[in-house]
Amino acid sequence: MGPRTGQKLFTLQTVAAWQDECQQGDPRGAANAGGFSLHAGLDIAPHQRAKLERLCRHMSRPPMAEERLALSASGQVRYPLKTAYRDGTTHIVLDPLDLMAGFAAWCRHRGCT
């Protein structure tokens, strides 16, 4: 959508990369594939309402913390990550239009109206 459509996301890497801890076939229900990780080892019994509520709150949270978004002097959006990625990325820098396109895609995926 923006001027960098289709290009790799610009990231800032300020810490050393680290290795994956959970491998595919992990007995705890964790898997890594194609740069994504999934942990499906959560078990909620019918009477565990607090655990179910915690999961629902986690699933319905927004994709980014608004208070961490900042505009750089060049007009790019800079977003510091709460925890560094495995490759050492600590910040994401993108064009405002690319940010809006990402939010639009997130809303389409989530069924927002």
N, C-alpha and C. Protein backbone atom coordinates (compact mmCIF):
# COMPACT_ATOMS: atom_id res chain seq x y z
N MET A 1 0.83 -1.18 0.00
CA MET A 1 0.00 0.00 0.00
C MET A 1 0.88 1.25 0.00
N GLY A 2 1.93 1.29 0.83
CA GLY A 2 2.82 2.44 0.90
C GLY A 2 3.96 2.32 -0.08
N PRO A 3 4.94 3.22 0.03
CA PRO A 3 6.07 3.22 -0.91
C PRO A 3 6.97 1.99 -0.79
N ARG A 4 6.90 1.27 0.32
CA ARG A 4 7.75 0.08 0.51
C ARG A 4 6.95 -1.22 0.35
N THR A 5 5.81 -1.18 -0.33
CA THR A 5 4.97 -2.36 -0.50
C THR A 5 5.78 -3.51 -1.10
N GLY A 6 5.70 -4.67 -0.45
CA GLY A 6 6.38 -5.85 -0.93
C GLY A 6 7.82 -5.97 -0.50
N GLN A 7 8.38 -4.92 0.11
CA GLN A 7 9.76 -4.96 0.57
C GLN A 7 9.85 -5.49 1.98
N LYS A 8 11.03 -5.99 2.33
CA LYS A 8 11.27 -6.50 3.68
C LYS A 8 11.11 -5.37 4.69
N LEU A 9 10.54 -5.68 5.84
CA LEU A 9 10.34 -4.72 6.91
C LEU A 9 11.69 -4.26 7.45
N PHE A 10 11.87 -2.97 7.65
CA PHE A 10 13.10 -2.43 8.22
C PHE A 10 13.05 -2.63 9.73
N THR A 11 14.09 -3.25 10.28
CA THR A 11 14.14 -3.51 11.71
C THR A 11 15.47 -3.04 12.28
N LEU A 12 15.49 -2.76 13.57
CA LEU A 12 16.72 -2.42 14.27
C LEU A 12 17.10 -3.61 15.14
N GLN A 13 18.31 -4.11 14.98
CA GLN A 13 18.78 -5.25 15.74
C GLN A 13 19.92 -4.80 16.64
N THR A 14 19.65 -4.76 17.95
CA THR A 14 20.65 -4.25 18.88
C THR A 14 21.10 -5.27 19.91
N VAL A 15 20.60 -6.49 19.83
CA VAL A 15 21.07 -7.56 20.71
C VAL A 15 21.40 -8.77 19.86
N ALA A 16 22.22 -9.66 20.38
CA ALA A 16 22.62 -10.84 19.64
C ALA A 16 21.43 -11.77 19.41
N ALA A 17 21.43 -12.45 18.28
CA ALA A 17 20.37 -13.42 17.98
C ALA A 17 20.50 -14.62 18.90
N TRP A 18 19.38 -15.31 19.15
CA TRP A 18 19.41 -16.51 19.99
C TRP A 18 18.72 -17.65 19.27
N GLN A 19 19.00 -18.85 19.68
CA GLN A 19 18.49 -20.05 19.02
C GLN A 19 17.10 -20.40 19.53
N ASP A 20 16.32 -21.08 18.68
CA ASP A 20 15.00 -21.55 19.08
C ASP A 20 15.12 -22.53 20.23
N GLU A 21 14.27 -22.37 21.24
CA GLU A 21 14.30 -23.27 22.38
C GLU A 21 13.35 -24.45 22.20
N CYS A 22 12.23 -24.21 21.53
CA CYS A 22 11.28 -25.31 21.36
C CYS A 22 11.33 -25.77 19.91
N GLN A 23 11.35 -27.05 19.71
CA GLN A 23 11.44 -27.65 18.39
C GLN A 23 10.10 -28.27 18.02
N GLN A 24 9.90 -28.47 16.74
CA GLN A 24 8.68 -29.13 16.28
C GLN A 24 8.58 -30.52 16.92
N GLY A 25 7.40 -30.89 17.35
CA GLY A 25 7.22 -32.18 18.00
C GLY A 25 7.48 -32.11 19.49
N ASP A 26 7.57 -30.92 20.04
CA ASP A 26 7.79 -30.73 21.47
C ASP A 26 6.61 -31.33 22.24
N PRO A 27 6.85 -32.15 23.26
CA PRO A 27 5.74 -32.77 24.00
C PRO A 27 4.86 -31.76 24.74
N ARG A 28 5.35 -30.52 24.94
CA ARG A 28 4.54 -29.50 25.61
C ARG A 28 3.56 -28.82 24.65
N GLY A 29 3.57 -29.21 23.37
CA GLY A 29 2.64 -28.64 22.40
C GLY A 29 3.18 -27.42 21.68
N ALA A 30 4.51 -27.20 21.70
CA ALA A 30 5.10 -26.04 21.04
C ALA A 30 5.70 -26.45 19.71
N ALA A 31 5.65 -25.54 18.73
CA ALA A 31 6.23 -25.80 17.42
C ALA A 31 6.74 -24.50 16.81
N ASN A 32 7.79 -24.58 16.01
CA ASN A 32 8.32 -23.44 15.26
C ASN A 32 8.37 -23.82 13.79
N ALA A 33 7.87 -22.96 12.92
CA ALA A 33 7.91 -23.23 11.49
C ALA A 33 7.81 -21.92 10.74
N GLY A 34 8.68 -21.72 9.78
CA GLY A 34 8.62 -20.54 8.92
C GLY A 34 8.71 -19.23 9.66
N GLY A 35 9.43 -19.18 10.77
CA GLY A 35 9.58 -17.94 11.52
C GLY A 35 8.45 -17.67 12.50
N PHE A 36 7.48 -18.57 12.60
CA PHE A 36 6.37 -18.40 13.53
C PHE A 36 6.45 -19.46 14.61
N SER A 37 6.01 -19.13 15.80
CA SER A 37 5.95 -20.13 16.86
C SER A 37 4.52 -20.26 17.34
N LEU A 38 4.18 -21.44 17.76
CA LEU A 38 2.84 -21.72 18.24
C LEU A 38 2.95 -22.60 19.47
N HIS A 39 2.24 -22.22 20.51
CA HIS A 39 2.19 -23.04 21.72
C HIS A 39 0.74 -23.43 21.92
N ALA A 40 0.45 -24.71 21.73
CA ALA A 40 -0.93 -25.18 21.81
C ALA A 40 -1.12 -26.13 22.99
N GLY A 41 -0.31 -25.97 24.02
CA GLY A 41 -0.37 -26.88 25.16
C GLY A 41 -1.27 -26.41 26.28
N LEU A 42 -2.19 -25.50 26.00
CA LEU A 42 -3.08 -24.97 27.04
C LEU A 42 -4.29 -25.89 27.20
N ASP A 43 -4.61 -26.20 28.42
CA ASP A 43 -5.74 -27.07 28.71
C ASP A 43 -6.65 -26.35 29.71
N ILE A 44 -7.90 -26.14 29.35
CA ILE A 44 -8.84 -25.45 30.23
C ILE A 44 -10.04 -26.36 30.46
N ALA A 45 -10.25 -26.71 31.71
CA ALA A 45 -11.41 -27.54 32.07
C ALA A 45 -12.66 -26.66 32.13
N PRO A 46 -13.85 -27.24 31.99
CA PRO A 46 -15.09 -26.46 31.98
C PRO A 46 -15.29 -25.57 33.21
N HIS A 47 -14.81 -25.96 34.37
CA HIS A 47 -15.03 -25.17 35.59
C HIS A 47 -13.96 -24.10 35.82
N GLN A 48 -12.95 -23.97 34.95
CA GLN A 48 -11.86 -23.01 35.16
C GLN A 48 -12.17 -21.69 34.45
N ARG A 49 -13.12 -20.94 34.97
CA ARG A 49 -13.56 -19.69 34.35
C ARG A 49 -12.47 -18.64 34.32
N ALA A 50 -11.66 -18.54 35.37
CA ALA A 50 -10.60 -17.53 35.41
C ALA A 50 -9.56 -17.79 34.32
N LYS A 51 -9.22 -19.04 34.12
CA LYS A 51 -8.25 -19.41 33.08
C LYS A 51 -8.82 -19.11 31.69
N LEU A 52 -10.09 -19.40 31.48
CA LEU A 52 -10.75 -19.11 30.22
C LEU A 52 -10.80 -17.61 29.97
N GLU A 53 -11.12 -16.84 31.01
CA GLU A 53 -11.17 -15.38 30.86
C GLU A 53 -9.79 -14.82 30.49
N ARG A 54 -8.74 -15.34 31.11
CA ARG A 54 -7.38 -14.89 30.81
C ARG A 54 -7.03 -15.16 29.35
N LEU A 55 -7.38 -16.34 28.85
CA LEU A 55 -7.14 -16.67 27.45
C LEU A 55 -7.92 -15.74 26.53
N CYS A 56 -9.19 -15.49 26.84
CA CYS A 56 -10.02 -14.60 26.01
C CYS A 56 -9.46 -13.18 26.00
N ARG A 57 -9.00 -12.69 27.14
CA ARG A 57 -8.40 -11.35 27.20
C ARG A 57 -7.14 -11.29 26.33
N HIS A 58 -6.33 -12.34 26.39
CA HIS A 58 -5.11 -12.39 25.59
C HIS A 58 -5.43 -12.38 24.10
N MET A 59 -6.43 -13.16 23.70
CA MET A 59 -6.78 -13.26 22.29
C MET A 59 -7.42 -11.99 21.75
N SER A 60 -8.06 -11.21 22.60
CA SER A 60 -8.77 -10.01 22.13
C SER A 60 -7.96 -8.72 22.29
N ARG A 61 -6.72 -8.83 22.72
CA ARG A 61 -5.91 -7.62 22.89
C ARG A 61 -5.51 -7.06 21.53
N PRO A 62 -5.22 -5.76 21.46
CA PRO A 62 -4.83 -5.16 20.19
C PRO A 62 -3.44 -5.65 19.75
N PRO A 63 -3.13 -5.51 18.45
CA PRO A 63 -1.86 -6.03 17.95
C PRO A 63 -0.64 -5.23 18.41
N MET A 64 -0.82 -3.98 18.80
CA MET A 64 0.30 -3.14 19.24
C MET A 64 -0.12 -2.30 20.44
N ALA A 65 0.86 -1.95 21.27
CA ALA A 65 0.60 -1.05 22.40
C ALA A 65 0.73 0.38 21.89
N GLU A 66 -0.36 1.11 21.88
CA GLU A 66 -0.40 2.46 21.32
C GLU A 66 0.63 3.39 21.96
N GLU A 67 0.85 3.24 23.26
CA GLU A 67 1.76 4.15 23.96
C GLU A 67 3.22 3.97 23.54
N ARG A 68 3.56 2.86 22.87
CA ARG A 68 4.94 2.65 22.42
C ARG A 68 5.18 3.16 21.00
N LEU A 69 4.13 3.51 20.26
CA LEU A 69 4.29 4.04 18.90
C LEU A 69 4.90 5.44 18.96
N ALA A 70 5.88 5.70 18.09
CA ALA A 70 6.50 7.02 18.03
C ALA A 70 6.79 7.37 16.57
N LEU A 71 6.75 8.64 16.24
CA LEU A 71 7.05 9.12 14.90
C LEU A 71 8.47 9.65 14.88
N SER A 72 9.30 9.18 13.95
CA SER A 72 10.68 9.63 13.86
C SER A 72 10.74 10.98 13.15
N ALA A 73 11.91 11.61 13.17
CA ALA A 73 12.09 12.91 12.51
C ALA A 73 11.86 12.80 11.00
N SER A 74 12.09 11.62 10.42
CA SER A 74 11.90 11.42 8.98
C SER A 74 10.47 11.04 8.62
N GLY A 75 9.58 10.94 9.62
CA GLY A 75 8.18 10.62 9.37
C GLY A 75 7.86 9.14 9.39
N GLN A 76 8.83 8.31 9.76
CA GLN A 76 8.61 6.88 9.88
C GLN A 76 8.05 6.57 11.26
N VAL A 77 7.30 5.48 11.36
CA VAL A 77 6.76 5.02 12.64
C VAL A 77 7.78 4.08 13.25
N ARG A 78 8.15 4.33 14.50
CA ARG A 78 9.12 3.50 15.21
C ARG A 78 8.40 2.83 16.38
N TYR A 79 8.56 1.51 16.46
CA TYR A 79 7.86 0.74 17.49
C TYR A 79 8.87 -0.14 18.23
N PRO A 80 9.19 0.21 19.49
CA PRO A 80 10.10 -0.65 20.27
C PRO A 80 9.35 -1.89 20.74
N LEU A 81 9.97 -3.04 20.57
CA LEU A 81 9.35 -4.29 20.96
C LEU A 81 9.49 -4.50 22.47
N LYS A 82 8.53 -5.13 23.06
CA LYS A 82 8.57 -5.43 24.50
C LYS A 82 9.70 -6.40 24.80
N THR A 83 9.88 -7.39 23.94
CA THR A 83 10.95 -8.38 24.06
C THR A 83 11.63 -8.51 22.70
N ALA A 84 12.95 -8.56 22.69
CA ALA A 84 13.68 -8.68 21.43
C ALA A 84 13.33 -9.98 20.72
N TYR A 85 13.27 -9.92 19.38
CA TYR A 85 13.06 -11.12 18.58
C TYR A 85 14.30 -12.01 18.65
N ARG A 86 14.17 -13.25 18.23
CA ARG A 86 15.28 -14.20 18.25
C ARG A 86 16.48 -13.72 17.44
N ASP A 87 16.22 -12.93 16.37
CA ASP A 87 17.32 -12.47 15.52
C ASP A 87 17.97 -11.19 16.05
N GLY A 88 17.55 -10.72 17.23
CA GLY A 88 18.12 -9.52 17.83
C GLY A 88 17.36 -8.24 17.57
N THR A 89 16.27 -8.30 16.82
CA THR A 89 15.47 -7.11 16.51
C THR A 89 14.84 -6.55 17.79
N THR A 90 15.06 -5.25 18.04
CA THR A 90 14.49 -4.59 19.21
C THR A 90 13.47 -3.52 18.85
N HIS A 91 13.49 -3.05 17.59
CA HIS A 91 12.56 -2.03 17.11
C HIS A 91 12.12 -2.36 15.69
N ILE A 92 10.92 -1.93 15.35
CA ILE A 92 10.42 -2.03 13.98
C ILE A 92 10.19 -0.60 13.50
N VAL A 93 10.66 -0.31 12.28
CA VAL A 93 10.51 1.01 11.69
C VAL A 93 9.78 0.84 10.36
N LEU A 94 8.66 1.55 10.17
CA LEU A 94 7.91 1.41 8.94
C LEU A 94 7.20 2.70 8.57
N ASP A 95 6.77 2.76 7.33
CA ASP A 95 6.04 3.90 6.81
C ASP A 95 4.63 3.91 7.40
N PRO A 96 4.08 5.10 7.70
CA PRO A 96 2.73 5.14 8.27
C PRO A 96 1.67 4.42 7.44
N LEU A 97 1.78 4.48 6.11
CA LEU A 97 0.80 3.77 5.26
C LEU A 97 0.94 2.25 5.42
N ASP A 98 2.18 1.77 5.57
CA ASP A 98 2.37 0.34 5.78
C ASP A 98 1.79 -0.09 7.13
N LEU A 99 1.91 0.77 8.14
CA LEU A 99 1.31 0.48 9.45
C LEU A 99 -0.22 0.36 9.32
N MET A 100 -0.82 1.32 8.62
CA MET A 100 -2.27 1.30 8.43
C MET A 100 -2.71 0.06 7.62
N ALA A 101 -1.92 -0.31 6.61
CA ALA A 101 -2.25 -1.51 5.83
C ALA A 101 -2.18 -2.75 6.71
N GLY A 102 -1.20 -2.80 7.61
CA GLY A 102 -1.09 -3.92 8.54
C GLY A 102 -2.28 -4.00 9.48
N PHE A 103 -2.70 -2.84 10.00
CA PHE A 103 -3.88 -2.82 10.87
C PHE A 103 -5.13 -3.25 10.11
N ALA A 104 -5.26 -2.79 8.85
CA ALA A 104 -6.43 -3.17 8.05
C ALA A 104 -6.45 -4.68 7.82
N ALA A 105 -5.28 -5.26 7.52
CA ALA A 105 -5.20 -6.72 7.33
C ALA A 105 -5.54 -7.44 8.63
N TRP A 106 -5.06 -6.93 9.75
CA TRP A 106 -5.35 -7.54 11.05
C TRP A 106 -6.85 -7.51 11.31
N CYS A 107 -7.49 -6.37 11.02
CA CYS A 107 -8.94 -6.25 11.24
C CYS A 107 -9.72 -7.18 10.33
N ARG A 108 -9.31 -7.31 9.07
CA ARG A 108 -9.99 -8.24 8.16
C ARG A 108 -9.87 -9.67 8.69
N HIS A 109 -8.68 -10.01 9.17
CA HIS A 109 -8.45 -11.36 9.70
C HIS A 109 -9.30 -11.61 10.95
N ARG A 110 -9.44 -10.60 11.80
CA ARG A 110 -10.17 -10.74 13.06
C ARG A 110 -11.68 -10.54 12.88
N GLY A 111 -12.11 -10.08 11.72
CA GLY A 111 -13.54 -9.87 11.50
C GLY A 111 -14.05 -8.55 12.07
N CYS A 112 -13.17 -7.55 12.19
CA CYS A 112 -13.59 -6.23 12.71
C CYS A 112 -14.52 -5.56 11.69
N THR A 113 -15.38 -4.71 12.18
CA THR A 113 -16.27 -3.97 11.27
C THR A 113 -16.04 -2.50 11.41
